[in-house]
N, C-alpha and C. Protein backbone atom coordinates (compact mmCIF):
# COMPACT_ATOMS: atom_id res chain seq x y z
N MET A 1 40.14 117.66 116.52
CA MET A 1 40.53 117.63 117.98
C MET A 1 39.28 117.57 118.86
N ARG A 2 38.24 118.35 118.55
CA ARG A 2 37.12 118.30 119.38
C ARG A 2 36.40 116.95 119.45
N ILE A 3 36.40 116.35 118.29
CA ILE A 3 35.80 114.94 118.30
C ILE A 3 36.50 114.04 119.29
N ARG A 4 37.74 114.00 119.35
CA ARG A 4 38.50 113.18 120.27
C ARG A 4 38.18 113.63 121.66
N LYS A 5 38.11 114.86 121.97
CA LYS A 5 37.83 115.26 123.36
C LYS A 5 36.37 114.86 123.86
N THR A 6 35.51 114.91 122.91
CA THR A 6 34.16 114.50 123.41
C THR A 6 34.00 113.02 123.33
N THR A 7 34.59 112.36 122.56
CA THR A 7 34.53 110.87 122.54
C THR A 7 35.31 110.27 123.83
N GLY A 8 36.29 111.00 124.23
CA GLY A 8 37.13 110.53 125.33
C GLY A 8 36.34 110.49 126.67
N VAL A 9 35.44 111.40 126.83
CA VAL A 9 34.61 111.41 128.04
C VAL A 9 33.68 110.13 128.14
N PRO A 10 32.97 109.82 127.06
CA PRO A 10 32.14 108.62 127.15
C PRO A 10 33.08 107.34 127.27
N LEU A 11 34.08 107.33 126.63
CA LEU A 11 35.00 106.17 126.80
C LEU A 11 35.56 105.97 128.21
N LEU A 12 35.78 107.11 128.81
CA LEU A 12 36.30 107.10 130.20
C LEU A 12 35.13 106.63 131.10
N ALA A 13 34.00 107.07 130.90
CA ALA A 13 32.84 106.67 131.64
C ALA A 13 32.55 105.15 131.55
N ILE A 14 32.68 104.59 130.35
CA ILE A 14 32.57 103.22 130.10
C ILE A 14 33.65 102.40 130.77
N PHE A 15 34.90 102.94 130.77
CA PHE A 15 36.01 102.33 131.43
C PHE A 15 35.73 102.12 132.86
N ILE A 16 35.38 103.26 133.55
CA ILE A 16 35.03 103.33 134.94
C ILE A 16 33.91 102.40 135.25
N ALA A 17 32.89 102.32 134.44
CA ALA A 17 31.73 101.46 134.74
C ALA A 17 32.13 100.03 134.77
N PHE A 18 33.03 99.60 133.74
CA PHE A 18 33.34 98.18 133.62
C PHE A 18 34.39 97.99 134.81
N GLY A 19 35.24 98.87 135.19
CA GLY A 19 36.13 98.67 136.18
C GLY A 19 35.46 98.45 137.52
N GLY A 20 34.40 99.25 137.75
CA GLY A 20 33.61 99.15 138.93
C GLY A 20 32.89 97.85 139.01
N SER A 21 32.39 97.37 137.82
CA SER A 21 31.75 96.13 137.73
C SER A 21 32.57 94.95 138.12
N CYS A 22 33.86 95.06 137.67
CA CYS A 22 34.76 93.94 138.03
C CYS A 22 35.00 93.93 139.52
N SER A 23 35.13 95.14 140.10
CA SER A 23 35.35 95.27 141.55
C SER A 23 34.16 94.77 142.34
N LEU A 24 32.95 95.02 141.86
CA LEU A 24 31.79 94.59 142.52
C LEU A 24 31.61 93.02 142.46
N GLN A 25 31.98 92.52 141.26
CA GLN A 25 31.98 91.02 141.19
C GLN A 25 33.03 90.35 142.03
N LYS A 26 34.18 90.99 142.22
CA LYS A 26 35.11 90.47 143.19
C LYS A 26 34.60 90.57 144.64
N SER A 27 33.80 91.58 145.00
CA SER A 27 33.23 91.74 146.29
C SER A 27 32.26 90.59 146.47
N LYS A 28 31.46 90.25 145.40
CA LYS A 28 30.45 89.19 145.55
C LYS A 28 31.17 87.93 145.73
N ALA A 29 32.27 87.62 144.97
CA ALA A 29 33.04 86.38 145.19
C ALA A 29 33.57 86.31 146.60
N THR A 30 34.09 87.48 147.07
CA THR A 30 34.57 87.51 148.55
C THR A 30 33.48 87.10 149.48
N GLY A 31 32.23 87.58 149.31
CA GLY A 31 31.11 87.33 150.15
C GLY A 31 30.80 85.82 150.07
N GLU A 32 30.84 85.36 148.78
CA GLU A 32 30.48 83.82 148.74
C GLU A 32 31.53 82.96 149.41
N SER A 33 32.76 83.37 149.28
CA SER A 33 33.81 82.65 150.01
C SER A 33 33.59 82.71 151.57
N ALA A 34 33.12 83.86 151.93
CA ALA A 34 32.88 84.03 153.37
C ALA A 34 31.68 83.17 153.87
N VAL A 35 30.76 82.98 152.97
CA VAL A 35 29.67 82.12 153.32
C VAL A 35 30.09 80.64 153.45
N ALA A 36 30.99 80.19 152.53
CA ALA A 36 31.57 78.80 152.61
C ALA A 36 32.40 78.66 153.84
N LYS A 37 33.13 79.74 154.19
CA LYS A 37 33.93 79.55 155.44
C LYS A 37 33.01 79.58 156.71
N PHE A 38 32.00 80.37 156.66
CA PHE A 38 30.96 80.32 157.78
C PHE A 38 30.39 78.99 157.98
N HIS A 39 30.03 78.30 156.80
CA HIS A 39 29.36 77.00 156.89
C HIS A 39 30.48 75.90 157.42
N SER A 40 31.66 76.04 156.98
CA SER A 40 32.67 75.15 157.49
C SER A 40 32.95 75.36 158.96
N GLN A 41 33.04 76.59 159.42
CA GLN A 41 33.27 76.85 160.84
C GLN A 41 32.01 76.38 161.61
N PHE A 42 30.80 76.60 161.01
CA PHE A 42 29.63 76.16 161.74
C PHE A 42 29.56 74.66 161.92
N ASN A 43 29.92 73.86 160.85
CA ASN A 43 29.95 72.47 161.05
C ASN A 43 30.99 72.07 162.05
N ALA A 44 32.04 72.75 162.22
CA ALA A 44 33.14 72.43 163.10
C ALA A 44 32.85 73.06 164.57
N GLU A 45 31.73 73.73 164.62
CA GLU A 45 31.27 74.30 165.96
C GLU A 45 32.38 75.37 166.35
N GLN A 46 32.91 76.15 165.42
CA GLN A 46 33.90 77.09 165.74
C GLN A 46 33.14 78.48 165.74
N TYR A 47 32.15 78.62 166.73
CA TYR A 47 31.32 79.81 166.83
C TYR A 47 32.09 80.97 167.31
N HIS A 48 33.08 80.81 168.08
CA HIS A 48 33.97 81.93 168.55
C HIS A 48 34.70 82.60 167.29
N GLU A 49 35.08 81.68 166.40
CA GLU A 49 35.86 82.13 165.22
C GLU A 49 34.83 82.86 164.28
N ILE A 50 33.61 82.33 164.20
CA ILE A 50 32.64 83.08 163.41
C ILE A 50 32.31 84.54 163.98
N TYR A 51 32.26 84.60 165.26
CA TYR A 51 31.97 85.87 165.86
C TYR A 51 33.14 86.85 165.66
N GLY A 52 34.39 86.28 165.67
CA GLY A 52 35.56 87.06 165.48
C GLY A 52 35.66 87.76 164.13
N LYS A 53 34.86 87.29 163.16
CA LYS A 53 34.87 87.82 161.76
C LYS A 53 33.61 88.73 161.54
N THR A 54 33.00 89.08 162.65
CA THR A 54 31.81 89.99 162.47
C THR A 54 32.25 91.49 162.46
N ASP A 55 31.45 92.24 161.90
CA ASP A 55 31.61 93.81 161.90
C ASP A 55 31.39 94.33 163.24
N GLU A 56 31.98 95.53 163.46
CA GLU A 56 31.74 96.29 164.70
C GLU A 56 30.29 96.52 165.02
N GLY A 57 29.51 96.84 163.97
CA GLY A 57 28.11 97.05 164.18
C GLY A 57 27.40 95.85 164.60
N PHE A 58 27.73 94.73 164.09
CA PHE A 58 27.15 93.39 164.53
C PHE A 58 27.49 93.20 166.00
N ARG A 59 28.72 93.50 166.42
CA ARG A 59 29.12 93.19 167.82
C ARG A 59 28.50 94.20 168.78
N LYS A 60 28.11 95.34 168.30
CA LYS A 60 27.40 96.28 169.14
C LYS A 60 26.00 95.85 169.35
N ALA A 61 25.39 95.16 168.38
CA ALA A 61 24.01 94.78 168.51
C ALA A 61 23.88 93.40 169.18
N THR A 62 24.89 92.55 168.98
CA THR A 62 24.87 91.10 169.52
C THR A 62 26.08 90.76 170.27
N SER A 63 25.97 90.39 171.51
CA SER A 63 27.10 90.05 172.28
C SER A 63 27.60 88.57 171.74
N GLU A 64 28.85 88.32 172.13
CA GLU A 64 29.47 87.02 171.64
C GLU A 64 28.66 85.87 172.27
N GLN A 65 28.23 85.98 173.58
CA GLN A 65 27.55 84.93 174.26
C GLN A 65 26.19 84.62 173.50
N GLU A 66 25.40 85.79 173.14
CA GLU A 66 24.24 85.62 172.40
C GLU A 66 24.42 84.89 171.08
N MET A 67 25.39 85.30 170.41
CA MET A 67 25.68 84.70 169.14
C MET A 67 26.05 83.21 169.32
N LEU A 68 26.94 82.87 170.28
CA LEU A 68 27.23 81.43 170.49
C LEU A 68 25.99 80.57 170.80
N GLU A 69 25.24 81.11 171.66
CA GLU A 69 23.92 80.35 172.09
C GLU A 69 22.93 80.17 170.78
N TYR A 70 22.97 81.25 169.96
CA TYR A 70 22.09 81.27 168.81
C TYR A 70 22.63 80.15 167.77
N LEU A 71 23.87 80.13 167.53
CA LEU A 71 24.52 79.13 166.63
C LEU A 71 24.39 77.77 167.16
N ARG A 72 24.59 77.58 168.49
CA ARG A 72 24.44 76.25 169.13
C ARG A 72 23.05 75.78 168.91
N ALA A 73 22.10 76.58 169.10
CA ALA A 73 20.63 76.23 169.04
C ALA A 73 20.40 75.75 167.58
N ILE A 74 20.86 76.51 166.58
CA ILE A 74 20.64 76.19 165.18
C ILE A 74 21.25 74.85 164.99
N HIS A 75 22.46 74.64 165.37
CA HIS A 75 23.18 73.32 165.23
C HIS A 75 22.40 72.19 165.80
N ARG A 76 21.89 72.38 167.06
CA ARG A 76 21.10 71.39 167.70
C ARG A 76 19.85 71.06 166.90
N LYS A 77 19.18 72.00 166.30
CA LYS A 77 17.90 71.80 165.70
C LYS A 77 18.17 71.31 164.26
N LEU A 78 19.07 71.83 163.54
CA LEU A 78 19.21 71.49 162.12
C LEU A 78 20.45 70.60 161.75
N GLY A 79 21.32 70.43 162.64
CA GLY A 79 22.58 69.67 162.34
C GLY A 79 23.60 70.41 161.44
N GLU A 80 24.34 69.57 160.78
CA GLU A 80 25.42 70.20 159.90
C GLU A 80 24.95 70.62 158.61
N VAL A 81 25.56 71.62 158.02
CA VAL A 81 25.30 72.09 156.63
C VAL A 81 25.77 71.00 155.69
N LYS A 82 24.92 70.54 154.81
CA LYS A 82 25.19 69.47 153.78
C LYS A 82 25.40 70.16 152.42
N ASP A 83 24.59 71.15 152.08
CA ASP A 83 24.55 71.72 150.80
C ASP A 83 23.93 73.15 150.90
N ALA A 84 24.48 74.05 150.06
CA ALA A 84 23.92 75.46 150.07
C ALA A 84 23.87 75.98 148.73
N LYS A 85 22.66 76.39 148.28
CA LYS A 85 22.53 76.86 146.90
C LYS A 85 22.09 78.31 147.01
N GLN A 86 22.85 79.26 146.33
CA GLN A 86 22.55 80.59 146.30
C GLN A 86 21.28 80.88 145.54
N ILE A 87 20.37 81.60 146.17
CA ILE A 87 19.00 81.85 145.57
C ILE A 87 18.81 83.33 145.35
N GLY A 88 19.83 84.18 145.73
CA GLY A 88 19.64 85.59 145.51
C GLY A 88 20.83 86.40 145.91
N TRP A 89 21.04 87.51 145.43
CA TRP A 89 22.15 88.35 145.79
C TRP A 89 21.96 89.80 145.41
N HIS A 90 22.59 90.71 146.17
CA HIS A 90 22.53 92.13 145.87
C HIS A 90 23.72 92.76 146.38
N LEU A 91 24.24 93.71 145.69
CA LEU A 91 25.39 94.51 146.08
C LEU A 91 25.06 95.98 146.29
N ASN A 92 25.65 96.59 147.30
CA ASN A 92 25.55 98.05 147.51
C ASN A 92 26.84 98.62 147.80
N ALA A 93 27.36 99.41 146.81
CA ALA A 93 28.64 100.00 146.97
C ALA A 93 28.46 101.34 147.89
N THR A 94 29.29 101.42 148.87
CA THR A 94 29.37 102.56 149.83
C THR A 94 30.74 103.07 149.86
N THR A 95 30.92 104.22 150.61
CA THR A 95 32.31 104.75 150.73
C THR A 95 33.14 103.91 151.62
N GLY A 96 32.52 103.08 152.46
CA GLY A 96 33.29 102.19 153.35
C GLY A 96 33.58 100.84 152.79
N GLY A 97 33.06 100.54 151.64
CA GLY A 97 33.18 99.27 151.03
C GLY A 97 31.99 98.87 150.37
N VAL A 98 31.81 97.48 150.12
CA VAL A 98 30.66 97.00 149.38
C VAL A 98 29.81 96.20 150.50
N GLN A 99 28.46 96.40 150.47
CA GLN A 99 27.56 95.50 151.18
C GLN A 99 27.13 94.38 150.25
N VAL A 100 27.47 93.18 150.72
CA VAL A 100 27.14 92.06 149.91
C VAL A 100 25.94 91.33 150.59
N PHE A 101 24.86 91.32 149.94
CA PHE A 101 23.64 90.55 150.41
C PHE A 101 23.62 89.25 149.73
N LEU A 102 23.57 88.08 150.48
CA LEU A 102 23.40 86.87 149.87
C LEU A 102 22.39 86.02 150.48
N ALA A 103 21.58 85.31 149.74
CA ALA A 103 20.59 84.46 150.16
C ALA A 103 20.82 83.02 149.74
N TYR A 104 20.64 82.08 150.59
CA TYR A 104 20.91 80.64 150.27
C TYR A 104 19.76 79.79 150.78
N LYS A 105 19.44 78.79 150.02
CA LYS A 105 18.63 77.65 150.32
C LYS A 105 19.70 76.64 150.87
N THR A 106 19.64 76.28 152.12
CA THR A 106 20.66 75.48 152.72
C THR A 106 19.99 74.21 153.23
N SER A 107 20.65 73.04 152.89
CA SER A 107 20.23 71.78 153.40
C SER A 107 21.10 71.35 154.54
N PHE A 108 20.50 71.14 155.68
CA PHE A 108 21.24 70.72 156.87
C PHE A 108 20.90 69.21 156.99
N SER A 109 21.69 68.59 157.96
CA SER A 109 21.47 67.09 158.06
C SER A 109 19.98 66.77 158.54
N GLU A 110 19.38 67.67 159.26
CA GLU A 110 17.97 67.47 159.82
C GLU A 110 16.91 68.21 159.17
N GLY A 111 17.21 68.97 158.04
CA GLY A 111 16.17 69.75 157.34
C GLY A 111 16.70 70.85 156.61
N ASP A 112 15.81 71.62 155.99
CA ASP A 112 16.24 72.81 155.21
C ASP A 112 15.97 74.16 155.92
N ALA A 113 16.67 75.12 155.34
CA ALA A 113 16.49 76.51 155.83
C ALA A 113 16.81 77.45 154.77
N THR A 114 16.47 78.74 155.03
CA THR A 114 16.79 79.78 154.26
C THR A 114 17.67 80.69 154.98
N GLU A 115 18.86 80.98 154.49
CA GLU A 115 19.82 81.88 155.22
C GLU A 115 20.00 83.07 154.41
N GLN A 116 20.18 84.18 155.15
CA GLN A 116 20.55 85.53 154.61
C GLN A 116 21.72 86.01 155.24
N PHE A 117 22.69 86.36 154.54
CA PHE A 117 23.98 86.89 155.01
C PHE A 117 24.12 88.34 154.40
N VAL A 118 24.71 89.19 155.23
CA VAL A 118 25.26 90.56 154.76
C VAL A 118 26.62 90.69 155.20
N PHE A 119 27.54 90.83 154.29
CA PHE A 119 28.93 91.06 154.55
C PHE A 119 29.32 92.46 154.15
N LEU A 120 30.19 93.08 154.93
CA LEU A 120 30.83 94.31 154.45
C LEU A 120 32.19 93.86 153.91
N VAL A 121 32.35 94.19 152.68
CA VAL A 121 33.61 93.74 152.02
C VAL A 121 34.41 95.01 151.56
N SER A 122 35.68 94.94 151.94
CA SER A 122 36.63 95.96 151.52
C SER A 122 37.90 95.26 151.05
N GLY A 123 38.13 95.33 149.73
CA GLY A 123 39.24 94.57 149.11
C GLY A 123 39.02 93.06 149.27
N ASP A 124 39.97 92.35 149.92
CA ASP A 124 39.80 90.90 150.14
C ASP A 124 39.29 90.54 151.46
N ASN A 125 38.96 91.58 152.24
CA ASN A 125 38.43 91.41 153.58
C ASN A 125 36.94 91.53 153.70
N SER A 126 36.29 90.60 154.48
CA SER A 126 34.81 90.57 154.65
C SER A 126 34.59 90.52 156.14
N ALA A 127 33.57 91.07 156.57
CA ALA A 127 33.11 91.08 157.89
C ALA A 127 31.53 90.80 157.85
N LEU A 128 31.18 89.91 158.69
CA LEU A 128 29.72 89.56 158.72
C LEU A 128 29.01 90.74 159.51
N PHE A 129 28.04 91.31 158.81
CA PHE A 129 27.27 92.44 159.32
C PHE A 129 25.91 91.99 159.83
N ARG A 130 25.26 91.01 159.13
CA ARG A 130 23.95 90.49 159.60
C ARG A 130 23.88 88.99 159.13
N TYR A 131 23.15 88.25 159.95
CA TYR A 131 22.91 86.89 159.59
C TYR A 131 21.42 86.56 160.07
N ASN A 132 20.71 85.94 159.22
CA ASN A 132 19.36 85.50 159.53
C ASN A 132 19.11 84.16 158.89
N ILE A 133 18.34 83.28 159.64
CA ILE A 133 18.05 81.98 159.26
C ILE A 133 16.56 81.68 159.49
N GLU A 134 15.93 81.08 158.59
CA GLU A 134 14.49 80.66 158.78
C GLU A 134 14.28 79.22 158.36
N SER A 135 13.54 78.47 159.20
CA SER A 135 13.36 77.08 158.92
C SER A 135 11.94 76.68 159.57
N PRO A 136 11.21 75.85 158.88
CA PRO A 136 9.94 75.36 159.55
C PRO A 136 10.28 74.53 160.77
N LEU A 137 11.53 74.01 160.88
CA LEU A 137 11.79 73.24 162.00
C LEU A 137 12.04 74.04 163.42
N PHE A 138 12.01 75.38 163.17
CA PHE A 138 12.22 76.22 164.31
C PHE A 138 10.90 76.35 165.02
N ILE A 139 9.78 76.00 164.43
CA ILE A 139 8.46 76.15 165.06
C ILE A 139 8.24 74.95 165.81
N THR A 140 8.15 75.12 167.15
CA THR A 140 7.87 73.99 168.09
C THR A 140 6.60 74.18 168.72
N LYS A 141 5.97 73.07 169.31
CA LYS A 141 4.81 73.16 170.08
C LYS A 141 5.09 73.42 171.48
């Protein structure tokens, strides 16, 4: 009997670890889908819709008008998204959900950029928490 009790605890720990891993991978996939939707909406100039899917913390730090102007400026300078390749990712599980950090090397019609997204994912829902983009084309004389 004792052997079964002591082996049950490690087996339970392994089960929880693998179950959590599946959940984290699902959160990563949800974040990746959110990036694809962001790019699709960006190309269609649906900036209001992008802002509507941001987290409360994002909205406290950035007004909708600021975000719209920022995205319009990126679109004017870089054009439409043509291709995006993930170059890095990181997950952080919290009590409120999973923070999904995704980095992309993105090709736009007028040049390349590196994009960084942070989404807060809970279940199948994601909210943009942070967005950053860097490109040599942003440097002007």
